[in-house]
Amino acid sequence: TVCPPEMQIARLVERGMAPIEARQRLDAQMPTAEKAARADFVIRTDGSFEETDKQIDEVYRKLLGGR
C-alpha cells in the first residue's frame, strides 16, 4: 500500500508513536516510490475507503486471472 509520508506519520502518531520516532522509522525505510516500482500491485490508501476497496477488488480479480 502507498500513501504520502505525512499520512504515514499521522497514522503512526495515532497509534501512540512520537512524531520524531515516526519520521525516523520512515527515513530508515526504502523510499515509497522505489517500493511501489518493485511491487507487482500497488494499492493507494490515501483516498476514501471506497477507493481503496475498488483497488483491492481490481487486484483480487487480476490475481484470479480476470475472472
Foldseek 3Di string as FASTA:
>chain_A
DDDDLVVQLVVVVVVPDDSVVSVVVQVPDDDPVVVCVPDPADAYDPDDPVSRVVSVVVVVCVVVPND
